[in-house]
Amino acid sequence: MRGAEFAAAQWTRAIGAGVDPHEYRRVTEGLTSLGAWGPSCMRTGLGHLQRADDARSTRSAGEYLLVAARWFHLATLAPYEEAHRAAAKADLALSRALTLLEPGARRVSGEGFTGWLRGPSDAPGTVVVVPGLDSAKEEFLDLASALLARGLAVFAMDGPGQGALAAATTFVPDYERVVGRVIDALGVARVGLVGMSLGGYFAARAAALEPRVAAVATVSGPFRLDWEELPPPVRDIMAGRAGGADAAHAFADTVDLTALAPRIAAPLLVVDGGQDVIPGVTNGEPLARLAPHGTYVSVPHGDHLLGNARPEWLPRLSDHITHELTGTPA
């Protein structure tokens, strides 16, 4: 795939992650190869780091750092020899930003996870945001903002093989154990889960097997994967995150919610885009149908992660989680 084609394919994902569309076009319109993607995104992130250092106010510095974190994360989406360095820079930029902008934010780490807990200490509910195949906590800041605006506490995490942990860990099939350790570390009795892309599978699995999950939502989460039908780029990404092709094949074979969906006791919202058609991926309608308290929302023109349709699902998802955790309207 050429650089321009890859940039076009990532357009709604990048805009959904909060990147300025005009800057995105300036950075990506001249890409002559896929190999130029990572360095271009990295340079853009470094430019925003410099602006943060030169800023005249703490708020401006923090805002520049949030932009830098997004661009460093985008650098990891295409094959790039500096991808682990970019992920580390994204993590550091987000850490610096939250330290400046939200003094009450707290870094929480444990076996197989790391992330930031944001929101009031006396919040009526806590939500854990779970990333997917090649996403990370830096990608879903707008989702966190929507939940924070409703008075909830939000823990945006990286798990094994994800984000800041991708360099030293690999995917695990029993993600519910990771979620259990997160809940222990947060010191809360119950949580809501929001899973994005492959994180939707992780969240649904955890909801079936971890009784402290009180509400769950998935966005573009797979119900089942078929390794033989997955496109080569998806296989390659999974191999890099799972520890090799054989490990990725074995992991993909575990992604099947047929038996687990009926065990999800928590209220479940499943969001899909009607234009999200990836060979080898079964979308979430069967999950919503088989779960005892499942609701299915399909946005006909939505793509993967529905970055092109956020007003049509993000408020509804945020209200769902808020209501189910607090028992009151959002």
Protein backbone atom coordinates (compact mmCIF):
# COMPACT_ATOMS: atom_id res chain seq x y z
CA MET A 1 0.00 0.00 0.00
CA ARG A 2 1.27 3.44 -0.90
CA GLY A 3 1.61 6.21 1.65
CA ALA A 4 -1.28 8.23 0.23
CA GLU A 5 -3.58 5.18 0.25
CA PHE A 6 -2.67 4.38 3.85
CA ALA A 7 -3.26 8.00 4.89
CA ALA A 8 -6.69 7.95 3.26
CA ALA A 9 -7.54 4.70 5.03
CA GLN A 10 -6.54 6.18 8.42
CA TRP A 11 -8.38 9.48 7.88
CA THR A 12 -11.47 8.95 10.03
CA ARG A 13 -9.51 7.07 12.68
CA ALA A 14 -7.07 9.95 13.07
CA ILE A 15 -9.81 12.58 13.14
CA GLY A 16 -11.79 10.48 15.61
CA ALA A 17 -8.69 10.39 17.80
CA GLY A 18 -8.71 14.18 17.91
CA VAL A 19 -6.09 15.16 15.32
CA ASP A 20 -6.79 18.43 13.53
CA PRO A 21 -8.00 17.54 10.01
CA HIS A 22 -6.11 20.37 8.32
CA GLU A 23 -2.87 19.39 10.00
CA TYR A 24 -3.48 15.75 9.08
CA ARG A 25 -3.77 16.70 5.43
CA ARG A 26 -0.63 18.82 5.56
CA VAL A 27 1.37 16.01 7.16
CA THR A 28 0.12 13.15 5.00
CA GLU A 29 -0.74 14.54 1.56
CA GLY A 30 2.86 14.36 0.33
CA LEU A 31 3.70 10.86 1.55
CA THR A 32 5.37 8.94 -1.23
CA SER A 33 5.64 5.59 0.56
CA LEU A 34 4.24 3.71 3.51
CA GLY A 35 7.67 3.91 5.11
CA ALA A 36 7.35 7.69 5.31
CA TRP A 37 4.28 7.51 7.55
CA GLY A 38 6.04 6.85 10.86
CA PRO A 39 8.81 9.45 10.46
CA SER A 40 6.29 12.10 9.32
CA CYS A 41 4.03 11.51 12.31
CA MET A 42 7.04 11.44 14.62
CA ARG A 43 8.32 14.79 13.32
CA THR A 44 4.90 16.31 13.81
CA GLY A 45 4.76 15.06 17.38
CA LEU A 46 8.23 16.43 18.09
CA GLY A 47 7.12 19.80 16.74
CA HIS A 48 4.28 19.90 19.25
CA LEU A 49 6.68 18.90 22.03
CA GLN A 50 8.79 21.92 21.15
CA ARG A 51 5.70 24.13 21.23
CA ALA A 52 4.91 22.74 24.67
CA ASP A 53 8.39 23.63 25.87
CA ASP A 54 8.03 27.15 24.45
CA ALA A 55 4.48 27.73 25.72
CA ARG A 56 3.82 30.73 27.95
CA SER A 57 1.19 29.02 30.07
CA THR A 58 0.75 25.66 31.73
CA ARG A 59 -2.55 25.10 29.93
CA SER A 60 -1.07 25.73 26.51
CA ALA A 61 1.84 23.41 27.29
CA GLY A 62 -0.56 20.68 28.34
CA GLU A 63 -2.69 21.12 25.22
CA TYR A 64 0.35 20.87 22.96
CA LEU A 65 1.43 17.73 24.80
CA LEU A 66 -1.95 16.10 24.19
CA VAL A 67 -1.59 16.80 20.47
CA ALA A 68 1.94 15.39 20.53
CA ALA A 69 0.72 12.21 22.25
CA ARG A 70 -1.83 11.65 19.47
CA TRP A 71 0.74 12.08 16.72
CA PHE A 72 3.27 9.79 18.40
CA HIS A 73 0.57 7.15 18.67
CA LEU A 74 -0.34 7.56 14.98
CA ALA A 75 3.31 6.91 14.14
CA THR A 76 2.90 3.33 15.41
CA LEU A 77 0.07 2.41 13.02
CA ALA A 78 2.28 1.57 10.01
CA PRO A 79 5.44 -0.59 9.95
CA TYR A 80 8.13 1.57 11.52
CA GLU A 81 11.40 0.58 13.13
CA GLU A 82 10.98 3.30 15.74
CA ALA A 83 7.43 2.24 16.66
CA HIS A 84 8.30 1.28 20.24
CA ARG A 85 10.09 4.61 20.70
CA ALA A 86 7.03 6.42 19.33
CA ALA A 87 4.76 4.53 21.74
CA ALA A 88 7.03 5.47 24.64
CA LYS A 89 6.95 9.11 23.55
CA ALA A 90 3.15 9.02 23.32
CA ASP A 91 2.99 7.65 26.85
CA LEU A 92 5.38 10.28 28.18
CA ALA A 93 3.60 13.15 26.41
CA LEU A 94 0.24 12.07 27.83
CA SER A 95 1.78 11.74 31.29
CA ARG A 96 3.26 15.22 31.12
CA ALA A 97 -0.02 16.65 29.81
CA LEU A 98 -2.17 15.18 32.55
CA THR A 99 0.33 16.21 35.22
CA LEU A 100 -0.02 19.80 34.03
CA LEU A 101 -3.74 19.88 33.23
CA GLU A 102 -5.22 17.54 35.83
CA PRO A 103 -3.19 17.49 39.05
CA GLY A 104 -5.62 14.94 40.49
CA ALA A 105 -4.96 12.41 37.72
CA ARG A 106 -3.13 9.34 38.94
CA ARG A 107 -0.89 6.82 37.18
CA VAL A 108 -1.89 3.27 38.08
CA SER A 109 0.18 0.29 36.97
CA GLY A 110 0.31 -3.39 37.79
CA GLU A 111 0.99 -6.79 36.28
CA GLY A 112 0.02 -6.54 32.60
CA PHE A 113 -1.45 -3.02 32.65
CA THR A 114 -0.71 0.66 32.99
CA GLY A 115 -2.78 3.79 32.56
CA TRP A 116 -4.19 6.98 34.00
CA LEU A 117 -7.13 7.33 36.39
CA ARG A 118 -8.91 10.64 35.86
CA GLY A 119 -11.99 12.26 37.37
CA PRO A 120 -13.32 13.03 40.85
CA SER A 121 -12.20 10.86 43.74
CA ASP A 122 -15.83 10.56 44.84
CA ALA A 123 -17.17 9.72 41.38
CA PRO A 124 -20.37 7.61 41.45
CA GLY A 125 -18.85 5.16 38.97
CA THR A 126 -15.57 4.18 37.33
CA VAL A 127 -15.10 3.22 33.68
CA VAL A 128 -12.18 1.28 32.23
CA VAL A 129 -11.41 1.99 28.55
CA VAL A 130 -9.80 -0.99 26.82
CA PRO A 131 -7.83 -0.46 23.57
CA GLY A 132 -7.54 -2.91 20.69
CA LEU A 133 -5.17 -4.52 18.22
CA ASP A 134 -2.91 -1.54 17.50
CA SER A 135 -4.60 1.20 19.53
CA ALA A 136 -3.60 2.62 22.90
CA LYS A 137 -4.88 4.84 25.69
CA GLU A 138 -3.77 7.95 23.77
CA GLU A 139 -6.24 7.25 20.94
CA PHE A 140 -9.53 7.57 22.82
CA LEU A 141 -9.21 10.86 24.69
CA ASP A 142 -12.54 12.10 23.33
CA LEU A 143 -14.31 9.03 24.74
CA ALA A 144 -12.68 9.69 28.10
CA SER A 145 -13.77 13.34 27.92
CA ALA A 146 -17.39 12.35 27.25
CA LEU A 147 -17.42 10.04 30.27
CA LEU A 148 -15.63 12.55 32.50
CA ALA A 149 -18.18 15.21 31.53
CA ARG A 150 -20.89 12.94 32.98
CA GLY A 151 -19.15 12.88 36.35
CA LEU A 152 -17.54 9.45 36.07
CA ALA A 153 -13.97 8.47 36.83
CA VAL A 154 -12.13 7.03 33.83
CA PHE A 155 -9.16 4.67 33.70
CA ALA A 156 -7.71 4.60 30.18
CA MET A 157 -5.34 1.65 30.04
CA ASP A 158 -2.78 -0.22 28.00
CA GLY A 159 -2.80 -3.98 28.50
CA PRO A 160 -0.41 -6.73 27.40
CA GLY A 161 0.88 -6.10 23.88
CA GLN A 162 -0.71 -2.65 23.77
CA GLY A 163 0.61 0.92 23.76
CA ALA A 164 3.35 1.54 26.28
CA LEU A 165 3.54 -2.20 27.06
CA ALA A 166 3.84 -3.42 23.45
CA ALA A 167 7.65 -3.46 23.51
CA ALA A 168 7.93 -5.84 26.45
CA THR A 169 4.69 -7.89 26.51
CA THR A 170 2.38 -9.79 24.17
CA PHE A 171 -1.35 -10.38 23.96
CA VAL A 172 -2.90 -12.74 26.48
CA PRO A 173 -6.07 -14.77 25.84
CA ASP A 174 -7.34 -14.44 29.42
CA TYR A 175 -7.77 -10.64 29.43
CA GLU A 176 -10.36 -10.95 32.19
CA ARG A 177 -7.48 -11.57 34.61
CA VAL A 178 -5.92 -8.27 33.57
CA VAL A 179 -9.24 -6.49 34.13
CA GLY A 180 -9.52 -8.16 37.53
CA ARG A 181 -6.11 -6.83 38.54
CA VAL A 182 -7.10 -3.37 37.28
CA ILE A 183 -10.23 -3.39 39.44
CA ASP A 184 -8.16 -4.47 42.45
CA ALA A 185 -5.65 -1.68 41.86
CA LEU A 186 -8.35 0.95 41.44
CA GLY A 187 -9.90 -0.09 44.74
CA VAL A 188 -13.50 -0.01 43.52
CA ALA A 189 -16.26 -2.55 43.95
CA ARG A 190 -17.51 -2.48 40.37
CA VAL A 191 -16.64 -0.92 37.01
CA GLY A 192 -18.00 -0.23 33.58
CA LEU A 193 -15.99 -1.41 30.58
CA VAL A 194 -15.75 0.17 27.14
CA GLY A 195 -13.81 -1.86 24.59
CA MET A 196 -12.64 -0.41 21.29
CA SER A 197 -12.05 -2.68 18.25
CA LEU A 198 -10.32 -5.85 19.50
CA GLY A 199 -10.73 -4.28 22.94
CA GLY A 200 -14.45 -4.95 22.43
CA TYR A 201 -13.70 -8.67 22.50
CA PHE A 202 -11.52 -8.21 25.58
CA ALA A 203 -14.26 -6.21 27.32
CA ALA A 204 -17.02 -8.69 26.44
CA ARG A 205 -14.89 -11.61 27.59
CA ALA A 206 -14.10 -9.84 30.86
CA ALA A 207 -17.77 -9.01 31.38
CA ALA A 208 -18.62 -12.70 31.04
CA LEU A 209 -15.95 -13.90 33.46
CA GLU A 210 -15.35 -11.03 35.93
CA PRO A 211 -18.43 -10.48 38.16
CA ARG A 212 -17.41 -6.95 39.15
CA VAL A 213 -18.16 -5.64 35.64
CA ALA A 214 -21.50 -3.86 36.05
CA ALA A 215 -21.89 -2.31 32.58
CA VAL A 216 -20.18 -2.85 29.25
CA ALA A 217 -20.07 -1.36 25.77
CA THR A 218 -18.16 -2.41 22.67
CA VAL A 219 -17.32 -0.39 19.57
CA SER A 220 -16.36 -2.31 16.41
CA GLY A 221 -15.51 -5.34 18.51
CA PRO A 222 -15.18 -8.74 16.81
CA PHE A 223 -17.54 -11.54 17.77
CA ARG A 224 -15.30 -14.11 16.06
CA LEU A 225 -12.06 -14.15 14.05
CA ASP A 226 -11.09 -16.52 11.24
CA TRP A 227 -7.31 -16.50 10.85
CA GLU A 228 -7.35 -17.93 7.34
CA GLU A 229 -9.57 -15.12 6.07
CA LEU A 230 -7.89 -12.19 7.84
CA PRO A 231 -6.11 -9.76 5.47
CA PRO A 232 -2.30 -10.06 5.54
CA PRO A 233 -1.81 -6.59 7.12
CA VAL A 234 -4.08 -7.56 10.04
CA ARG A 235 -2.22 -10.86 10.46
CA ASP A 236 1.10 -8.99 10.46
CA ILE A 237 -0.03 -6.55 13.13
CA MET A 238 -1.38 -9.38 15.26
CA ALA A 239 1.86 -11.33 14.86
CA GLY A 240 3.81 -8.33 16.09
CA ARG A 241 1.57 -7.95 19.15
CA ALA A 242 1.16 -11.67 19.96
CA GLY A 243 4.80 -12.77 19.64
CA GLY A 244 4.96 -14.28 16.16
CA ALA A 245 2.72 -15.73 13.47
CA ASP A 246 2.07 -19.03 15.26
CA ALA A 247 1.16 -17.25 18.49
CA ALA A 248 -1.07 -14.84 16.57
CA HIS A 249 -2.85 -17.74 14.84
CA ALA A 250 -3.41 -19.43 18.20
CA PHE A 251 -4.66 -16.17 19.71
CA ALA A 252 -7.07 -15.52 16.82
CA ASP A 253 -8.52 -18.99 17.32
CA THR A 254 -9.53 -18.01 20.88
CA VAL A 255 -11.51 -14.98 19.69
CA ASP A 256 -15.02 -16.44 19.66
CA LEU A 257 -17.76 -15.20 21.99
CA THR A 258 -20.34 -17.86 21.14
CA ALA A 259 -20.08 -19.61 24.49
CA LEU A 260 -19.30 -16.51 26.56
CA ALA A 261 -21.99 -14.11 25.33
CA PRO A 262 -24.84 -15.81 27.28
CA ARG A 263 -22.79 -15.40 30.45
CA ILE A 264 -22.65 -11.58 30.26
CA ALA A 265 -24.99 -10.52 33.05
CA ALA A 266 -24.23 -6.79 32.80
CA PRO A 267 -26.23 -4.51 30.49
CA LEU A 268 -24.38 -4.51 27.17
CA LEU A 269 -24.36 -2.00 24.31
CA VAL A 270 -22.80 -3.17 21.04
CA VAL A 271 -21.96 -0.50 18.46
CA ASP A 272 -20.95 -1.34 14.89
CA GLY A 273 -20.47 0.56 11.67
CA GLY A 274 -22.34 -0.75 8.65
CA GLN A 275 -19.32 -0.05 6.43
CA ASP A 276 -16.95 -1.96 8.74
CA VAL A 277 -16.42 -5.08 6.65
CA ILE A 278 -13.10 -6.83 7.31
CA PRO A 279 -12.60 -10.33 5.89
CA GLY A 280 -12.34 -12.89 8.65
CA VAL A 281 -14.09 -10.69 11.23
CA THR A 282 -17.64 -11.34 12.41
CA ASN A 283 -19.09 -8.10 13.76
CA GLY A 284 -20.99 -7.75 17.02
CA GLU A 285 -24.64 -8.42 16.18
CA PRO A 286 -24.50 -12.05 17.46
CA LEU A 287 -22.95 -10.79 20.71
CA ALA A 288 -25.86 -8.43 21.36
CA ARG A 289 -28.38 -11.11 20.38
CA LEU A 290 -26.91 -13.83 22.61
CA ALA A 291 -26.19 -11.66 25.65
CA PRO A 292 -29.11 -11.61 28.15
CA HIS A 293 -29.22 -7.79 28.27
CA GLY A 294 -27.69 -6.84 24.93
CA THR A 295 -28.62 -3.91 22.70
CA TYR A 296 -27.32 -3.56 19.17
CA VAL A 297 -26.69 -0.24 17.42
CA SER A 298 -25.50 -0.26 13.81
CA VAL A 299 -24.76 3.05 12.12
CA PRO A 300 -25.17 2.30 8.40
CA HIS A 301 -22.46 4.66 7.14
CA GLY A 302 -20.07 4.04 10.06
CA ASP A 303 -16.61 2.64 9.39
CA HIS A 304 -14.29 0.78 11.75
CA LEU A 305 -14.36 2.58 15.13
CA LEU A 306 -17.00 4.86 13.56
CA GLY A 307 -14.66 7.81 13.44
CA ASN A 308 -16.90 9.18 10.68
CA ALA A 309 -20.05 9.01 12.82
CA ARG A 310 -19.13 9.93 16.37
CA PRO A 311 -22.19 12.14 17.10
CA GLU A 312 -24.43 9.17 16.31
CA TRP A 313 -23.05 6.79 18.94
CA LEU A 314 -20.69 8.46 21.43
CA PRO A 315 -23.39 10.29 23.46
CA ARG A 316 -25.57 7.18 23.53
CA LEU A 317 -22.71 4.98 24.69
CA SER A 318 -21.70 7.49 27.36
CA ASP A 319 -25.27 7.72 28.62
CA HIS A 320 -25.59 3.92 28.67
CA ILE A 321 -22.51 3.47 30.84
CA THR A 322 -23.46 6.38 33.11
CA HIS A 323 -27.01 5.18 33.68
CA GLU A 324 -26.05 1.57 34.31
CA LEU A 325 -23.31 2.50 36.77
CA THR A 326 -25.18 5.20 38.68
CA GLY A 327 -28.86 4.36 38.20
CA THR A 328 -29.59 7.93 37.21
CA PRO A 329 -30.00 9.69 33.84
CA ALA A 330 -26.70 10.91 32.39
